[in-house]
Protein backbone atom coordinates (compact mmCIF):
# COMPACT_ATOMS: atom_id res chain seq x y z
CA UNK A 1 -0.07 0.23 0.02
CA UNK A 2 1.34 3.46 -0.39
CA UNK A 3 1.22 6.20 1.89
CA UNK A 4 1.93 9.94 1.67
CA UNK A 5 3.37 12.43 4.24
CA UNK A 6 5.13 15.48 4.86
CA UNK A 7 8.52 14.21 6.57
CA UNK A 8 10.49 16.58 7.96
CA UNK A 9 8.88 19.69 6.01
CA UNK A 10 9.00 17.57 2.29
CA UNK A 11 6.21 15.48 0.82
CA UNK A 12 7.32 11.84 0.99
CA UNK A 13 5.51 8.63 -0.58
CA UNK A 14 6.47 5.30 0.67
CA UNK A 15 5.10 1.95 -0.53
CA UNK A 16 4.31 -0.39 3.05
CA UNK A 17 3.11 -3.22 4.50
CA UNK A 18 -0.53 -2.07 6.37
CA UNK A 19 1.56 -3.89 9.27
CA UNK A 20 4.85 -2.01 9.30
CA UNK A 21 5.18 0.76 12.39
CA UNK A 22 5.63 4.10 11.29
CA UNK A 23 10.09 3.32 13.17
CA UNK A 24 9.80 0.89 10.10
CA UNK A 25 9.21 2.72 7.32
CA UNK A 26 11.16 6.15 8.28
CA UNK A 27 14.25 3.46 8.60
CA UNK A 28 14.15 2.35 5.25
CA UNK A 29 13.54 5.36 4.23
CA UNK A 30 16.62 6.67 4.99
CA UNK A 31 15.92 8.75 8.59
CA UNK A 32 18.12 7.10 10.99
CA UNK A 33 17.74 9.68 13.84
CA UNK A 34 14.93 6.96 14.87
CA UNK A 35 16.04 3.99 17.18
CA UNK A 36 14.96 1.17 17.94
CA UNK A 37 14.84 0.57 21.78
CA UNK A 38 11.94 -0.75 23.03
CA UNK A 39 9.41 -1.93 20.39
CA UNK A 40 6.85 -0.73 23.03
CA UNK A 41 6.46 2.74 22.79
CA UNK A 42 8.17 3.39 26.44
CA UNK A 43 11.68 4.20 26.38
CA UNK A 44 11.59 7.63 24.00
CA UNK A 45 14.51 6.67 21.27
CA UNK A 46 12.45 6.26 18.51
CA UNK A 47 10.10 9.21 19.20
CA UNK A 48 8.75 11.60 16.44
CA UNK A 49 6.98 14.71 16.05
CA UNK A 50 2.95 13.48 14.85
CA UNK A 51 1.68 16.97 13.39
CA UNK A 52 3.92 18.54 16.12
CA UNK A 53 3.17 15.98 19.27
CA UNK A 54 5.91 13.69 20.54
CA UNK A 55 4.49 10.06 19.81
CA UNK A 56 6.70 6.25 19.55
CA UNK A 57 7.24 5.54 16.01
CA UNK A 58 7.36 2.11 17.21
CA UNK A 59 4.24 1.89 17.97
CA UNK A 60 2.89 3.79 15.54
CA UNK A 61 0.83 2.05 12.50
CA UNK A 62 2.61 3.14 9.13
CA UNK A 63 -0.40 3.27 8.07
CA UNK A 64 -1.86 6.37 10.34
CA UNK A 65 0.95 8.60 8.89
CA UNK A 66 -0.85 9.32 5.57
CA UNK A 67 -1.77 12.37 4.95
CA UNK A 68 0.04 13.48 8.57
CA UNK A 69 3.14 15.85 8.91
CA UNK A 70 6.38 13.50 10.38
CA UNK A 71 9.08 15.77 12.01
CA UNK A 72 12.41 14.12 13.08
CA UNK A 73 15.40 15.70 14.77
CA UNK A 74 16.66 15.81 11.26
CA UNK A 75 13.66 18.52 10.72
CA UNK A 76 14.54 20.92 13.67
CA UNK A 77 18.64 21.80 12.64
CA UNK A 78 18.52 24.63 15.01
CA UNK A 79 16.54 23.51 17.47
CA UNK A 80 19.01 20.33 17.54
CA UNK A 81 22.17 21.85 17.74
CA UNK A 82 21.26 24.67 19.88
CA UNK A 83 19.45 21.80 22.83
CA UNK A 84 22.71 19.71 22.07
CA UNK A 85 25.29 22.24 22.89
CA UNK A 86 23.31 22.76 26.20
CA UNK A 87 23.64 18.81 27.07
CA UNK A 88 26.58 18.66 25.98
CA UNK A 89 28.14 21.76 28.36
CA UNK A 90 26.10 20.54 31.30
CA UNK A 91 27.80 16.59 30.69
CA UNK A 92 25.08 15.51 30.16
CA UNK A 93 25.20 14.00 26.42
CA UNK A 94 26.82 10.81 25.99
CA UNK A 95 26.78 8.16 23.72
CA UNK A 96 23.96 9.68 21.01
CA UNK A 97 21.22 6.89 21.33
CA UNK A 98 18.52 8.20 23.02
CA UNK A 99 19.48 12.49 22.23
CA UNK A 100 17.16 12.62 18.88
CA UNK A 101 13.99 11.45 21.17
CA UNK A 102 14.59 13.78 23.45
CA UNK A 103 15.45 16.77 21.46
CA UNK A 104 12.18 16.07 19.33
CA UNK A 105 10.03 15.90 22.91
CA UNK A 106 11.92 18.67 24.57
CA UNK A 107 11.07 20.82 21.31
CA UNK A 108 7.39 19.70 21.19
CA UNK A 109 7.38 20.68 25.37
CA UNK A 110 8.55 23.82 24.77
CA UNK A 111 5.69 24.62 21.86
CA UNK A 112 3.20 23.24 24.04
CA UNK A 113 3.83 24.48 27.87
CA UNK A 114 4.53 28.20 29.03
CA UNK A 115 7.13 27.75 31.78
CA UNK A 116 7.26 24.61 32.64
CA UNK A 117 8.67 23.70 36.55
CA UNK A 118 10.74 20.69 37.09
CA UNK A 119 8.06 18.81 38.06
CA UNK A 120 6.21 19.89 35.16
CA UNK A 121 9.54 18.59 32.72
CA UNK A 122 9.93 15.47 34.24
CA UNK A 123 6.53 14.75 34.06
CA UNK A 124 6.45 15.63 29.63
CA UNK A 125 9.69 13.27 29.37
CA UNK A 126 8.80 10.75 31.32
CA UNK A 127 8.83 8.36 28.27
CA UNK A 128 12.13 9.31 27.77
CA UNK A 129 14.72 7.14 29.16
CA UNK A 130 18.89 7.85 29.21
CA UNK A 131 21.36 4.85 30.03
CA UNK A 132 24.24 7.16 30.38
CA UNK A 133 24.08 10.30 31.32
CA UNK A 134 21.85 10.84 34.13
CA UNK A 135 19.02 13.39 34.42
CA UNK A 136 20.36 15.66 36.67
CA UNK A 137 22.86 17.45 33.72
CA UNK A 138 19.66 16.54 31.20
CA UNK A 139 17.19 18.91 32.95
CA UNK A 140 19.54 21.93 33.97
CA UNK A 141 20.20 21.72 29.65
CA UNK A 142 16.79 21.48 29.30
CA UNK A 143 15.86 24.50 31.60
CA UNK A 144 18.37 26.24 29.89
CA UNK A 145 16.78 25.44 26.42
CA UNK A 146 13.29 26.57 27.74
CA UNK A 147 14.85 29.98 28.74
CA UNK A 148 15.85 30.63 25.73
CA UNK A 149 12.92 29.32 23.82
CA UNK A 150 10.55 31.45 25.40
């Protein structure tokens, strides 16, 4: 079956099997930032923006993306660079496996929440797990990013 979506601002067509996940389609289409982590939608490493909202692409059937806008970290390079620099400055970015999913989630949060406190940030990021850096440095970097995004 064929689906069409706007991927990172550009129209794209994909030939898919109805049982494919969005993650599988994106990876087959050359999007390397989405990572297969848990395959249950709980780790955040495959998070993309679906019409601006963060969703785990491993748990989304690819046919649902037909006619929608999908944004990965490749589609938000300026935000990704800025947040990445802040994470590095705080010693909170290490292997990079979970980074792209974290970045798109933080960007969505910056657009959705006005001046969130630490509790609201942690709640919003509850589905993004990092095995390397720990969360204190990430939180410092995210706060700095949000202060500049306002």
